[in-house]
Amino acid sequence: GMYGLAIGRCFFGESMFSLETNASKVLMVHLAN
């Protein structure tokens, strides 16, 4: 998981964790797209 702030057309990532291999990377791909 991750949390962050969305203001205007900017997203400010605050912190992220992964409990299973590649989970945070999958998150990043989905979020960025």
PDB file of all heavy atoms in Angstrom:
ATOM      1  N   GLY A   1       0.809  -1.216   0.000  1.00  0.00           N
ATOM      2  CA  GLY A   1       0.000   0.000   0.000  1.00  0.00           C
ATOM      3  C   GLY A   1       0.837   1.258   0.000  1.00  0.00           C
ATOM      4  O   GLY A   1       2.052   1.231   0.185  1.00  0.00           O
ATOM      5  N   MET A   2       0.151   2.373  -0.224  1.00  0.00           N
ATOM      6  CA  MET A   2       0.780   3.695  -0.258  1.00  0.00           C
ATOM      7  C   MET A   2      -0.266   4.726   0.143  1.00  0.00           C
ATOM      8  O   MET A   2      -1.463   4.508  -0.026  1.00  0.00           O
ATOM      9  CB  MET A   2       1.293   4.007  -1.675  1.00  0.00           C
ATOM     10  CG  MET A   2       1.695   5.465  -1.901  1.00  0.00           C
ATOM     11  SD  MET A   2       1.866   5.909  -3.665  1.00  0.00           S
ATOM     12  CE  MET A   2       3.533   5.349  -3.965  1.00  0.00           C
ATOM     13  N   TYR A   3       0.212   5.864   0.673  1.00  0.00           N
ATOM     14  CA  TYR A   3      -0.695   7.006   0.823  1.00  0.00           C
ATOM     15  C   TYR A   3       0.019   8.257   0.331  1.00  0.00           C
ATOM     16  O   TYR A   3       1.259   8.327   0.293  1.00  0.00           O
ATOM     17  CB  TYR A   3      -1.190   7.169   2.264  1.00  0.00           C
ATOM     18  CG  TYR A   3      -0.170   7.748   3.231  1.00  0.00           C
ATOM     19  CD1 TYR A   3      -0.163   9.106   3.538  1.00  0.00           C
ATOM     20  CD2 TYR A   3       0.773   6.934   3.848  1.00  0.00           C
ATOM     21  CE1 TYR A   3       0.757   9.638   4.437  1.00  0.00           C
ATOM     22  CE2 TYR A   3       1.688   7.448   4.747  1.00  0.00           C
ATOM     23  CZ  TYR A   3       1.675   8.808   5.038  1.00  0.00           C
ATOM     24  OH  TYR A   3       2.594   9.324   5.910  1.00  0.00           O
ATOM     25  N   GLY A   4      -0.775   9.220  -0.084  1.00  0.00           N
ATOM     26  CA  GLY A   4      -0.213  10.465  -0.592  1.00  0.00           C
ATOM     27  C   GLY A   4      -1.304  11.496  -0.779  1.00  0.00           C
ATOM     28  O   GLY A   4      -2.484  11.248  -0.488  1.00  0.00           O
ATOM     29  N   LEU A   5      -0.923  12.658  -1.288  1.00  0.00           N
ATOM     30  CA  LEU A   5      -1.836  13.772  -1.459  1.00  0.00           C
ATOM     31  C   LEU A   5      -2.020  14.075  -2.942  1.00  0.00           C
ATOM     32  O   LEU A   5      -1.053  14.028  -3.715  1.00  0.00           O
ATOM     33  CB  LEU A   5      -1.307  15.035  -0.771  1.00  0.00           C
ATOM     34  CG  LEU A   5      -1.538  15.180   0.735  1.00  0.00           C
ATOM     35  CD1 LEU A   5      -0.827  14.074   1.502  1.00  0.00           C
ATOM     36  CD2 LEU A   5      -1.066  16.540   1.220  1.00  0.00           C
ATOM     37  N   ALA A   6      -3.245  14.400  -3.325  1.00  0.00           N
ATOM     38  CA  ALA A   6      -3.549  14.821  -4.690  1.00  0.00           C
ATOM     39  C   ALA A   6      -4.010  16.272  -4.646  1.00  0.00           C
ATOM     40  O   ALA A   6      -5.058  16.581  -4.066  1.00  0.00           O
ATOM     41  CB  ALA A   6      -4.633  13.937  -5.293  1.00  0.00           C
ATOM     42  N   ILE A   7      -3.213  17.146  -5.252  1.00  0.00           N
ATOM     43  CA  ILE A   7      -3.545  18.572  -5.292  1.00  0.00           C
ATOM     44  C   ILE A   7      -3.357  19.042  -6.731  1.00  0.00           C
ATOM     45  O   ILE A   7      -2.255  18.946  -7.280  1.00  0.00           O
ATOM     46  CB  ILE A   7      -2.666  19.405  -4.343  1.00  0.00           C
ATOM     47  CG1 ILE A   7      -2.668  18.817  -2.933  1.00  0.00           C
ATOM     48  CG2 ILE A   7      -3.138  20.858  -4.317  1.00  0.00           C
ATOM     49  CD1 ILE A   7      -1.721  19.520  -1.969  1.00  0.00           C
ATOM     50  N   GLY A   8      -4.418  19.544  -7.322  1.00  0.00           N
ATOM     51  CA  GLY A   8      -4.331  19.932  -8.717  1.00  0.00           C
ATOM     52  C   GLY A   8      -3.987  18.736  -9.578  1.00  0.00           C
ATOM     53  O   GLY A   8      -4.580  17.662  -9.439  1.00  0.00           O
ATOM     54  N   ARG A   9      -2.997  18.909 -10.454  1.00  0.00           N
ATOM     55  CA  ARG A   9      -2.535  17.799 -11.291  1.00  0.00           C
ATOM     56  C   ARG A   9      -1.203  17.254 -10.788  1.00  0.00           C
ATOM     57  O   ARG A   9      -0.379  16.757 -11.565  1.00  0.00           O
ATOM     58  CB  ARG A   9      -2.432  18.246 -12.746  1.00  0.00           C
ATOM     59  CG  ARG A   9      -3.802  18.473 -13.385  1.00  0.00           C
ATOM     60  CD  ARG A   9      -3.716  18.908 -14.831  1.00  0.00           C
ATOM     61  NE  ARG A   9      -5.057  19.078 -15.378  1.00  0.00           N
ATOM     62  CZ  ARG A   9      -5.586  18.344 -16.355  1.00  0.00           C
ATOM     63  NH1 ARG A   9      -4.877  17.374 -16.908  1.00  0.00           N
ATOM     64  NH2 ARG A   9      -6.807  18.561 -16.797  1.00  0.00           N
ATOM     65  N   CYS A  10      -1.008  17.320  -9.472  1.00  0.00           N
ATOM     66  CA  CYS A  10       0.212  16.812  -8.839  1.00  0.00           C
ATOM     67  C   CYS A  10      -0.169  15.796  -7.768  1.00  0.00           C
ATOM     68  O   CYS A  10      -1.110  16.018  -6.999  1.00  0.00           O
ATOM     69  CB  CYS A  10       1.007  17.944  -8.190  1.00  0.00           C
ATOM     70  SG  CYS A  10       1.415  19.317  -9.293  1.00  0.00           S
ATOM     71  N   PHE A  11       0.560  14.685  -7.725  1.00  0.00           N
ATOM     72  CA  PHE A  11       0.387  13.704  -6.664  1.00  0.00           C
ATOM     73  C   PHE A  11       1.659  13.655  -5.845  1.00  0.00           C
ATOM     74  O   PHE A  11       2.764  13.530  -6.389  1.00  0.00           O
ATOM     75  CB  PHE A  11       0.083  12.313  -7.227  1.00  0.00           C
ATOM     76  CG  PHE A  11      -0.160  11.282  -6.155  1.00  0.00           C
ATOM     77  CD1 PHE A  11      -1.382  11.197  -5.520  1.00  0.00           C
ATOM     78  CD2 PHE A  11       0.852  10.413  -5.770  1.00  0.00           C
ATOM     79  CE1 PHE A  11      -1.601  10.256  -4.514  1.00  0.00           C
ATOM     80  CE2 PHE A  11       0.650   9.478  -4.772  1.00  0.00           C
ATOM     81  CZ  PHE A  11      -0.593   9.396  -4.143  1.00  0.00           C
ATOM     82  N   PHE A  12       1.513  13.743  -4.531  1.00  0.00           N
ATOM     83  CA  PHE A  12       2.654  13.759  -3.619  1.00  0.00           C
ATOM     84  C   PHE A  12       2.683  12.451  -2.840  1.00  0.00           C
ATOM     85  O   PHE A  12       1.901  12.254  -1.912  1.00  0.00           O
ATOM     86  CB  PHE A  12       2.544  14.949  -2.665  1.00  0.00           C
ATOM     87  CG  PHE A  12       2.464  16.288  -3.354  1.00  0.00           C
ATOM     88  CD1 PHE A  12       1.233  16.789  -3.775  1.00  0.00           C
ATOM     89  CD2 PHE A  12       3.603  17.033  -3.598  1.00  0.00           C
ATOM     90  CE1 PHE A  12       1.145  18.016  -4.416  1.00  0.00           C
ATOM     91  CE2 PHE A  12       3.530  18.258  -4.236  1.00  0.00           C
ATOM     92  CZ  PHE A  12       2.299  18.751  -4.649  1.00  0.00           C
ATOM     93  N   GLY A  13       3.555  11.544  -3.237  1.00  0.00           N
ATOM     94  CA  GLY A  13       3.668  10.265  -2.550  1.00  0.00           C
ATOM     95  C   GLY A  13       4.336  10.454  -1.201  1.00  0.00           C
ATOM     96  O   GLY A  13       5.385  11.096  -1.105  1.00  0.00           O
ATOM     97  N   GLU A  14       3.753   9.874  -0.156  1.00  0.00           N
ATOM     98  CA  GLU A  14       4.285  10.042   1.191  1.00  0.00           C
ATOM     99  C   GLU A  14       5.025   8.813   1.693  1.00  0.00           C
ATOM    100  O   GLU A  14       6.146   8.900   2.158  1.00  0.00           O
ATOM    101  CB  GLU A  14       3.157  10.415   2.155  1.00  0.00           C
ATOM    102  CG  GLU A  14       2.908  11.898   2.271  1.00  0.00           C
ATOM    103  CD  GLU A  14       4.128  12.621   2.822  1.00  0.00           C
ATOM    104  OE1 GLU A  14       4.630  12.262   3.903  1.00  0.00           O
ATOM    105  OE2 GLU A  14       4.599  13.545   2.141  1.00  0.00           O
ATOM    106  N   SER A  15       4.398   7.656   1.632  1.00  0.00           N
ATOM    107  CA  SER A  15       5.053   6.446   2.134  1.00  0.00           C
ATOM    108  C   SER A  15       4.411   5.229   1.480  1.00  0.00           C
ATOM    109  O   SER A  15       3.248   5.265   1.078  1.00  0.00           O
ATOM    110  CB  SER A  15       4.936   6.354   3.654  1.00  0.00           C
ATOM    111  OG  SER A  15       5.665   5.251   4.160  1.00  0.00           O
ATOM    112  N   MET A  16       5.182   4.151   1.412  1.00  0.00           N
ATOM    113  CA  MET A  16       4.730   2.946   0.732  1.00  0.00           C
ATOM    114  C   MET A  16       5.307   1.732   1.456  1.00  0.00           C
ATOM    115  O   MET A  16       6.389   1.795   2.028  1.00  0.00           O
ATOM    116  CB  MET A  16       5.204   2.987  -0.730  1.00  0.00           C
ATOM    117  CG  MET A  16       4.834   1.796  -1.581  1.00  0.00           C
ATOM    118  SD  MET A  16       5.129   2.140  -3.359  1.00  0.00           S
ATOM    119  CE  MET A  16       6.872   2.608  -3.330  1.00  0.00           C
ATOM    120  N   PHE A  17       4.590   0.623   1.429  1.00  0.00           N
ATOM    121  CA  PHE A  17       5.094  -0.612   2.019  1.00  0.00           C
ATOM    122  C   PHE A  17       4.722  -1.778   1.115  1.00  0.00           C
ATOM    123  O   PHE A  17       3.818  -1.692   0.276  1.00  0.00           O
ATOM    124  CB  PHE A  17       4.527  -0.834   3.423  1.00  0.00           C
ATOM    125  CG  PHE A  17       3.064  -1.177   3.437  1.00  0.00           C
ATOM    126  CD1 PHE A  17       2.630  -2.497   3.394  1.00  0.00           C
ATOM    127  CD2 PHE A  17       2.113  -0.175   3.500  1.00  0.00           C
ATOM    128  CE1 PHE A  17       1.283  -2.816   3.402  1.00  0.00           C
ATOM    129  CE2 PHE A  17       0.755  -0.478   3.509  1.00  0.00           C
ATOM    130  CZ  PHE A  17       0.343  -1.801   3.460  1.00  0.00           C
ATOM    131  N   SER A  18       5.432  -2.884   1.294  1.00  0.00           N
ATOM    132  CA  SER A  18       5.161  -4.097   0.529  1.00  0.00           C
ATOM    133  C   SER A  18       5.289  -5.291   1.461  1.00  0.00           C
ATOM    134  O   SER A  18       6.309  -5.451   2.138  1.00  0.00           O
ATOM    135  CB  SER A  18       6.149  -4.219  -0.638  1.00  0.00           C
ATOM    136  OG  SER A  18       5.823  -5.309  -1.470  1.00  0.00           O
ATOM    137  N   LEU A  19       4.265  -6.121   1.515  1.00  0.00           N
ATOM    138  CA  LEU A  19       4.281  -7.328   2.321  1.00  0.00           C
ATOM    139  C   LEU A  19       4.546  -8.570   1.489  1.00  0.00           C
ATOM    140  O   LEU A  19       4.822  -9.635   2.039  1.00  0.00           O
ATOM    141  CB  LEU A  19       2.945  -7.483   3.065  1.00  0.00           C
ATOM    142  CG  LEU A  19       2.562  -6.339   4.020  1.00  0.00           C
ATOM    143  CD1 LEU A  19       1.196  -6.602   4.628  1.00  0.00           C
ATOM    144  CD2 LEU A  19       3.618  -6.154   5.103  1.00  0.00           C
ATOM    145  N   GLU A  20       4.437  -8.449   0.167  1.00  0.00           N
ATOM    146  CA  GLU A  20       4.707  -9.551  -0.736  1.00  0.00           C
ATOM    147  C   GLU A  20       5.575  -9.047  -1.885  1.00  0.00           C
ATOM    148  O   GLU A  20       5.496  -7.873  -2.268  1.00  0.00           O
ATOM    149  CB  GLU A  20       3.401 -10.144  -1.280  1.00  0.00           C
ATOM    150  CG  GLU A  20       2.521 -10.750  -0.210  1.00  0.00           C
ATOM    151  CD  GLU A  20       1.290 -11.435  -0.776  1.00  0.00           C
ATOM    152  OE1 GLU A  20       1.305 -11.787  -1.984  1.00  0.00           O
ATOM    153  OE2 GLU A  20       0.310 -11.603  -0.030  1.00  0.00           O
ATOM    154  N   THR A  21       6.394  -9.931  -2.431  1.00  0.00           N
ATOM    155  CA  THR A  21       7.328  -9.567  -3.491  1.00  0.00           C
ATOM    156  C   THR A  21       6.602  -8.900  -4.653  1.00  0.00           C
ATOM    157  O   THR A  21       5.594  -9.416  -5.151  1.00  0.00           O
ATOM    158  CB  THR A  21       8.070 -10.814  -3.991  1.00  0.00           C
ATOM    159  OG1 THR A  21       8.746 -11.426  -2.897  1.00  0.00           O
ATOM    160  CG2 THR A  21       9.082 -10.441  -5.068  1.00  0.00           C
ATOM    161  N   ASN A  22       7.124  -7.750  -5.056  1.00  0.00           N
ATOM    162  CA  ASN A  22       6.660  -6.986  -6.215  1.00  0.00           C
ATOM    163  C   ASN A  22       5.333  -6.264  -6.005  1.00  0.00           C
ATOM    164  O   ASN A  22       4.847  -5.592  -6.932  1.00  0.00           O
ATOM    165  CB  ASN A  22       6.564  -7.859  -7.471  1.00  0.00           C
ATOM    166  CG  ASN A  22       7.918  -8.189  -8.053  1.00  0.00           C
ATOM    167  OD1 ASN A  22       8.867  -7.434  -7.899  1.00  0.00           O
ATOM    168  ND2 ASN A  22       8.022  -9.330  -8.711  1.00  0.00           N
ATOM    169  N   ALA A  23       4.732  -6.356  -4.823  1.00  0.00           N
ATOM    170  CA  ALA A  23       3.443  -5.695  -4.615  1.00  0.00           C
ATOM    171  C   ALA A  23       3.550  -4.185  -4.784  1.00  0.00           C
ATOM    172  O   ALA A  23       2.699  -3.557  -5.420  1.00  0.00           O
ATOM    173  CB  ALA A  23       2.891  -6.033  -3.237  1.00  0.00           C
ATOM    174  N   SER A  24       4.600  -3.582  -4.230  1.00  0.00           N
ATOM    175  CA  SER A  24       4.739  -2.133  -4.354  1.00  0.00           C
ATOM    176  C   SER A  24       5.049  -1.713  -5.788  1.00  0.00           C
ATOM    177  O   SER A  24       4.638  -0.642  -6.237  1.00  0.00           O
ATOM    178  CB  SER A  24       5.825  -1.617  -3.407  1.00  0.00           C
ATOM    179  OG  SER A  24       7.093  -2.170  -3.721  1.00  0.00           O
ATOM    180  N   LYS A  25       5.749  -2.558  -6.529  1.00  0.00           N
ATOM    181  CA  LYS A  25       6.030  -2.246  -7.928  1.00  0.00           C
ATOM    182  C   LYS A  25       4.758  -2.307  -8.767  1.00  0.00           C
ATOM    183  O   LYS A  25       4.529  -1.457  -9.640  1.00  0.00           O
ATOM    184  CB  LYS A  25       7.082  -3.203  -8.486  1.00  0.00           C
ATOM    185  CG  LYS A  25       8.467  -3.019  -7.879  1.00  0.00           C
ATOM    186  CD  LYS A  25       9.479  -3.958  -8.516  1.00  0.00           C
ATOM    187  CE  LYS A  25      10.868  -3.749  -7.929  1.00  0.00           C
ATOM    188  NZ  LYS A  25      11.870  -4.658  -8.552  1.00  0.00           N
ATOM    189  N   VAL A  26       3.918  -3.299  -8.505  1.00  0.00           N
ATOM    190  CA  VAL A  26       2.629  -3.385  -9.197  1.00  0.00           C
ATOM    191  C   VAL A  26       1.796  -2.141  -8.878  1.00  0.00           C
ATOM    192  O   VAL A  26       1.149  -1.552  -9.761  1.00  0.00           O
ATOM    193  CB  VAL A  26       1.891  -4.672  -8.797  1.00  0.00           C
ATOM    194  CG1 VAL A  26       0.446  -4.647  -9.291  1.00  0.00           C
ATOM    195  CG2 VAL A  26       2.615  -5.893  -9.340  1.00  0.00           C
ATOM    196  N   LEU A  27       1.817  -1.729  -7.616  1.00  0.00           N
ATOM    197  CA  LEU A  27       1.108  -0.513  -7.212  1.00  0.00           C
ATOM    198  C   LEU A  27       1.590   0.684  -8.028  1.00  0.00           C
ATOM    199  O   LEU A  27       0.769   1.471  -8.535  1.00  0.00           O
ATOM    200  CB  LEU A  27       1.325  -0.265  -5.716  1.00  0.00           C
ATOM    201  CG  LEU A  27       0.606   0.914  -5.056  1.00  0.00           C
ATOM    202  CD1 LEU A  27       0.473   0.657  -3.554  1.00  0.00           C
ATOM    203  CD2 LEU A  27       1.316   2.241  -5.272  1.00  0.00           C
ATOM    204  N   MET A  28       2.898   0.847  -8.131  1.00  0.00           N
ATOM    205  CA  MET A  28       3.459   1.996  -8.846  1.00  0.00           C
ATOM    206  C   MET A  28       3.034   2.007 -10.304  1.00  0.00           C
ATOM    207  O   MET A  28       2.726   3.063 -10.866  1.00  0.00           O
ATOM    208  CB  MET A  28       4.980   1.987  -8.724  1.00  0.00           C
ATOM    209  CG  MET A  28       5.499   2.325  -7.347  1.00  0.00           C
ATOM    210  SD  MET A  28       5.327   4.081  -6.939  1.00  0.00           S
ATOM    211  CE  MET A  28       6.594   4.791  -8.013  1.00  0.00           C
ATOM    212  N   VAL A  29       3.008   0.850 -10.947  1.00  0.00           N
ATOM    213  CA  VAL A  29       2.605   0.775 -12.356  1.00  0.00           C
ATOM    214  C   VAL A  29       1.149   1.190 -12.511  1.00  0.00           C
ATOM    215  O   VAL A  29       0.796   1.999 -13.383  1.00  0.00           O
ATOM    216  CB  VAL A  29       2.830  -0.648 -12.910  1.00  0.00           C
ATOM    217  CG1 VAL A  29       2.227  -0.774 -14.313  1.00  0.00           C
ATOM    218  CG2 VAL A  29       4.318  -0.974 -12.945  1.00  0.00           C
ATOM    219  N   HIS A  30       0.294   0.664 -11.662  1.00  0.00           N
ATOM    220  CA  HIS A  30      -1.129   1.009 -11.744  1.00  0.00           C
ATOM    221  C   HIS A  30      -1.358   2.486 -11.433  1.00  0.00           C
ATOM    222  O   HIS A  30      -2.118   3.166 -12.142  1.00  0.00           O
ATOM    223  CB  HIS A  30      -1.934   0.138 -10.772  1.00  0.00           C
ATOM    224  CG  HIS A  30      -2.239  -1.225 -11.296  1.00  0.00           C
ATOM    225  ND1 HIS A  30      -3.482  -1.578 -11.762  1.00  0.00           N
ATOM    226  CD2 HIS A  30      -1.458  -2.320 -11.450  1.00  0.00           C
ATOM    227  CE1 HIS A  30      -3.459  -2.835 -12.173  1.00  0.00           C
ATOM    228  NE2 HIS A  30      -2.242  -3.317 -11.989  1.00  0.00           N
ATOM    229  N   LEU A  31      -0.722   2.972 -10.386  1.00  0.00           N
ATOM    230  CA  LEU A  31      -0.932   4.371  -9.994  1.00  0.00           C
ATOM    231  C   LEU A  31      -0.432   5.324 -11.077  1.00  0.00           C
ATOM    232  O   LEU A  31      -1.130   6.275 -11.444  1.00  0.00           O
ATOM    233  CB  LEU A  31      -0.234   4.654  -8.668  1.00  0.00           C
ATOM    234  CG  LEU A  31      -0.331   6.106  -8.168  1.00  0.00           C
ATOM    235  CD1 LEU A  31      -1.782   6.524  -7.977  1.00  0.00           C
ATOM    236  CD2 LEU A  31       0.464   6.277  -6.871  1.00  0.00           C
ATOM    237  N   ALA A  32       0.764   5.091 -11.589  1.00  0.00           N
ATOM    238  CA  ALA A  32       1.319   5.984 -12.596  1.00  0.00           C
ATOM    239  C   ALA A  32       0.440   6.036 -13.839  1.00  0.00           C
ATOM    240  O   ALA A  32       0.150   7.114 -14.380  1.00  0.00           O
ATOM    241  CB  ALA A  32       2.737   5.554 -12.963  1.00  0.00           C
ATOM    242  N   ASN A  33      -0.002   4.882 -14.306  1.00  0.00           N
ATOM    243  CA  ASN A  33      -0.849   4.859 -15.501  1.00  0.00           C
ATOM    244  C   ASN A  33      -2.208   5.493 -15.242  1.00  0.00           C
ATOM    245  O   ASN A  33      -2.763   6.166 -16.121  1.00  0.00           O
ATOM    246  CB  ASN A  33      -1.006   3.424 -16.000  1.00  0.00           C
ATOM    247  CG  ASN A  33       0.206   2.948 -16.783  1.00  0.00           C
ATOM    248  OD1 ASN A  33       0.366   3.268 -17.966  1.00  0.00           O
ATOM    249  ND2 ASN A  33       1.072   2.196 -16.128  1.00  0.00           N
TER     250      ASN A  33
END
